[in-house]
Amino acid sequence: MSITLTTDPIILEETAQVFLEMNNPEKLKLLINSVSQKFREYTGRLYINRTADIEEYSFGNGTSRIYVHALPIDVSDGEITVEILTNGAVTSTYTNTADTNGDCTGYADDNFIYLHSAVTPPSEGEKNVKVTYNGGWQTIPGNVLQGAIMQMNVEKQRIEGLVGIDNISREGESVSYDSGDIIKAVRDLWYPYKVMT
């Protein structure tokens, strides 16, 4: 069986192979895919790695802030487009490019885009705001990678039937388990990277 590596991996195969000391490429891809998905779900992110032309739909909230989920927003060379929709049709468009201070601004370290002279109309049950932007990391932060390696080690143990053993003692001593889906130490490392949903 051949496993396809996700297009948005939290860690490179070569790096994971070194840290996990694994020579089984299929098992390695499975672990990378699993932990990448766990990170996205836990943090509420759409993408981990820098991705161009992300299209994200959201509910208007009657404010000038539109929250997005692929951080950091690329404010250096990426164009941002905000479209207000009514029954799926575009009724207003706001843009900003890297070389102009246009109708809206993206903030790299926050997860919102700010409309300068407008507010999003409150949603009436439909996602009435479409945002197109570039987002995600060019270089994944070290503690995100550290958490990925730690969680991959746990997933590897689970595959081998050790079910997330946290501590093994000898000569009559006990064994302690961290049986949570994402272990606490990893949740602590990843928590600062959660985005507002």
Protein backbone atom coordinates (compact mmCIF):
# COMPACT_ATOMS: atom_id res chain seq x y z
CA MET A 1 0.00 0.00 0.00
CA SER A 2 1.35 3.40 -0.96
CA ILE A 3 0.56 6.41 1.24
CA THR A 4 0.58 9.88 -0.29
CA LEU A 5 2.20 12.59 1.81
CA THR A 6 -0.02 15.57 2.58
CA THR A 7 0.64 18.70 0.53
CA ASP A 8 0.80 20.69 3.79
CA PRO A 9 3.19 18.72 6.07
CA ILE A 10 4.15 20.02 9.50
CA ILE A 11 7.65 18.57 9.07
CA LEU A 12 9.81 17.44 6.14
CA GLU A 13 10.19 13.70 5.63
CA GLU A 14 13.98 13.92 5.87
CA THR A 15 13.82 15.79 9.20
CA ALA A 16 11.24 13.40 10.66
CA GLN A 17 13.29 10.40 9.53
CA VAL A 18 16.36 11.68 11.41
CA PHE A 19 14.51 12.48 14.65
CA LEU A 20 12.34 9.36 14.68
CA GLU A 21 15.12 7.07 13.39
CA MET A 22 12.69 5.41 10.99
CA ASN A 23 13.47 3.75 7.70
CA ASN A 24 9.90 2.85 6.76
CA PRO A 25 8.78 5.62 4.36
CA GLU A 26 5.10 4.57 4.40
CA LYS A 27 4.87 4.61 8.19
CA LEU A 28 6.74 7.92 8.25
CA LYS A 29 4.25 9.50 5.79
CA LEU A 30 1.35 8.16 7.86
CA LEU A 31 2.77 9.79 11.01
CA ILE A 32 3.44 13.11 9.25
CA ASN A 33 -0.08 13.17 7.79
CA SER A 34 -1.66 12.33 11.14
CA VAL A 35 0.25 14.92 13.16
CA SER A 36 -0.19 17.62 10.49
CA GLN A 37 -3.95 17.10 10.64
CA LYS A 38 -3.94 17.10 14.47
CA PHE A 39 -2.05 20.42 14.49
CA ARG A 40 -4.49 22.04 12.05
CA GLU A 41 -7.51 20.80 13.99
CA TYR A 42 -6.12 21.75 17.41
CA THR A 43 -5.05 25.25 16.35
CA GLY A 44 -7.98 26.00 14.02
CA ARG A 45 -5.64 26.70 11.09
CA LEU A 46 -6.40 26.00 7.45
CA TYR A 47 -2.76 25.73 6.37
CA ILE A 48 0.60 25.29 8.03
CA ASN A 49 2.98 26.16 5.17
CA ARG A 50 2.97 29.32 3.04
CA THR A 51 0.19 28.99 0.49
CA ALA A 52 -0.80 31.47 -2.20
CA ASP A 53 -4.32 32.52 -3.08
CA ILE A 54 -6.16 31.00 -0.14
CA GLU A 55 -9.90 31.45 -0.50
CA GLU A 56 -11.67 31.57 2.84
CA TYR A 57 -15.37 32.18 3.44
CA SER A 58 -16.74 33.54 6.71
CA PHE A 59 -19.83 35.00 8.32
CA GLY A 60 -20.03 38.80 8.39
CA ASN A 61 -20.08 40.14 11.94
CA GLY A 62 -20.97 43.81 11.51
CA THR A 63 -17.41 44.97 12.23
CA SER A 64 -14.35 45.98 10.23
CA ARG A 65 -12.44 42.84 11.29
CA ILE A 66 -12.50 39.63 9.27
CA TYR A 67 -10.85 36.70 11.05
CA VAL A 68 -8.84 34.27 8.92
CA HIS A 69 -7.26 30.90 9.63
CA ALA A 70 -3.97 30.58 7.70
CA LEU A 71 -1.46 32.59 9.66
CA PRO A 72 0.71 34.49 9.36
CA ILE A 73 -0.92 36.60 6.67
CA ASP A 74 1.64 37.47 3.98
CA VAL A 75 1.66 41.26 4.04
CA SER A 76 4.97 41.67 2.20
CA ASP A 77 4.09 40.60 -1.32
CA GLY A 78 0.63 39.10 -1.22
CA GLU A 79 -2.52 40.79 -2.44
CA ILE A 80 -5.56 40.72 -0.18
CA THR A 81 -9.06 40.76 -1.64
CA VAL A 82 -12.26 40.93 0.41
CA GLU A 83 -15.57 40.35 -1.36
CA ILE A 84 -18.96 40.91 0.24
CA LEU A 85 -21.54 38.44 -1.06
CA THR A 86 -25.32 38.57 -1.24
CA ASN A 87 -26.96 35.29 -2.24
CA GLY A 88 -23.56 34.20 -3.58
CA ALA A 89 -23.11 37.26 -5.82
CA VAL A 90 -20.33 39.80 -5.19
CA THR A 91 -21.76 43.16 -4.13
CA SER A 92 -18.57 44.92 -2.89
CA THR A 93 -14.84 44.34 -3.34
CA TYR A 94 -11.97 45.68 -1.23
CA THR A 95 -8.30 45.15 -2.08
CA ASN A 96 -4.80 45.81 -0.85
CA THR A 97 -1.51 45.01 -2.54
CA ALA A 98 2.00 45.06 -1.14
CA ASP A 99 2.82 48.39 -2.79
CA THR A 100 -0.42 50.27 -1.99
CA ASN A 101 -2.34 50.96 1.17
CA GLY A 102 -5.74 50.14 -0.26
CA ASP A 103 -9.15 49.37 1.17
CA CYS A 104 -7.97 46.79 3.70
CA THR A 105 -4.93 45.70 5.68
CA GLY A 106 -3.77 42.29 6.81
CA TYR A 107 -1.82 41.97 10.03
CA ALA A 108 0.88 39.31 9.89
CA ASP A 109 0.92 38.61 13.62
CA ASP A 110 -2.84 38.70 14.15
CA ASN A 111 -5.47 36.61 12.48
CA PHE A 112 -7.59 39.34 11.00
CA ILE A 113 -7.90 41.60 8.01
CA TYR A 114 -9.15 45.11 8.70
CA LEU A 115 -11.45 47.02 6.34
CA HIS A 116 -10.56 50.73 6.44
CA SER A 117 -13.86 52.31 5.46
CA ALA A 118 -16.47 49.56 5.68
CA VAL A 119 -17.91 46.87 7.89
CA THR A 120 -19.01 43.39 6.96
CA PRO A 121 -22.78 43.05 6.93
CA PRO A 122 -24.06 40.69 9.61
CA SER A 123 -24.65 37.25 8.18
CA GLU A 124 -28.16 35.91 7.83
CA GLY A 125 -27.22 32.24 7.80
CA GLU A 126 -24.81 32.27 4.88
CA LYS A 127 -21.09 32.87 4.67
CA ASN A 128 -21.25 36.30 3.10
CA VAL A 129 -17.57 37.30 3.14
CA LYS A 130 -14.90 35.84 0.85
CA VAL A 131 -11.27 36.64 1.54
CA THR A 132 -8.40 35.78 -0.81
CA TYR A 133 -4.88 36.12 0.60
CA ASN A 134 -1.51 34.43 0.99
CA GLY A 135 -0.87 32.84 4.37
CA GLY A 136 1.01 30.22 6.36
CA TRP A 137 4.60 29.96 7.52
CA GLN A 138 7.65 30.11 5.28
CA THR A 139 9.61 28.67 8.20
CA ILE A 140 7.71 26.65 10.79
CA PRO A 141 8.52 27.77 14.36
CA GLY A 142 10.84 25.52 16.36
CA ASN A 143 8.38 24.73 19.14
CA VAL A 144 5.74 23.71 16.56
CA LEU A 145 8.30 21.28 15.10
CA GLN A 146 9.31 20.09 18.56
CA GLY A 147 5.68 19.34 19.34
CA ALA A 148 5.29 17.53 16.02
CA ILE A 149 8.28 15.29 16.75
CA MET A 150 7.05 14.56 20.28
CA GLN A 151 3.55 13.71 19.03
CA MET A 152 4.94 11.59 16.19
CA ASN A 153 6.94 9.59 18.75
CA VAL A 154 3.72 8.98 20.68
CA GLU A 155 1.86 7.98 17.50
CA LYS A 156 4.74 5.63 16.63
CA GLN A 157 4.41 4.01 20.07
CA ARG A 158 0.67 3.69 19.60
CA ILE A 159 1.19 1.90 16.28
CA GLU A 160 3.63 -0.44 18.03
CA GLY A 161 1.05 -1.16 20.76
CA LEU A 162 2.64 0.88 23.53
CA VAL A 163 -0.34 3.31 23.58
CA GLY A 164 1.48 6.50 24.51
CA ILE A 165 3.59 5.27 27.37
CA ASP A 166 4.91 8.37 29.08
CA ASN A 167 7.27 6.72 31.56
CA ILE A 168 8.60 3.17 31.88
CA SER A 169 10.27 2.09 35.11
CA ARG A 170 12.12 -1.10 35.96
CA GLU A 171 12.27 -3.66 38.75
CA GLY A 172 8.69 -3.56 39.95
CA GLU A 173 8.11 0.13 39.29
CA SER A 174 4.98 1.35 37.55
CA VAL A 175 4.34 2.64 34.05
CA SER A 176 2.45 5.91 33.47
CA TYR A 177 0.48 6.72 30.34
CA ASP A 178 -0.62 9.90 28.61
CA SER A 179 -3.59 8.56 26.73
CA GLY A 180 -4.95 11.83 25.34
CA ASP A 181 -5.18 12.24 21.59
CA ILE A 182 -2.58 15.01 21.67
CA ILE A 183 -0.34 14.70 24.72
CA LYS A 184 -0.31 17.57 27.21
CA ALA A 185 3.30 18.60 26.54
CA VAL A 186 2.48 19.02 22.84
CA ARG A 187 -0.75 20.90 23.55
CA ASP A 188 1.30 23.29 25.70
CA LEU A 189 3.77 23.87 22.85
CA TRP A 190 1.03 24.37 20.25
CA TYR A 191 -1.41 26.42 22.35
CA PRO A 192 0.11 29.85 21.46
CA TYR A 193 -0.56 29.08 17.77
CA LYS A 194 -4.32 28.65 18.09
CA VAL A 195 -6.34 31.10 16.02
CA MET A 196 -9.66 32.70 16.80
CA THR A 197 -12.46 30.73 15.19
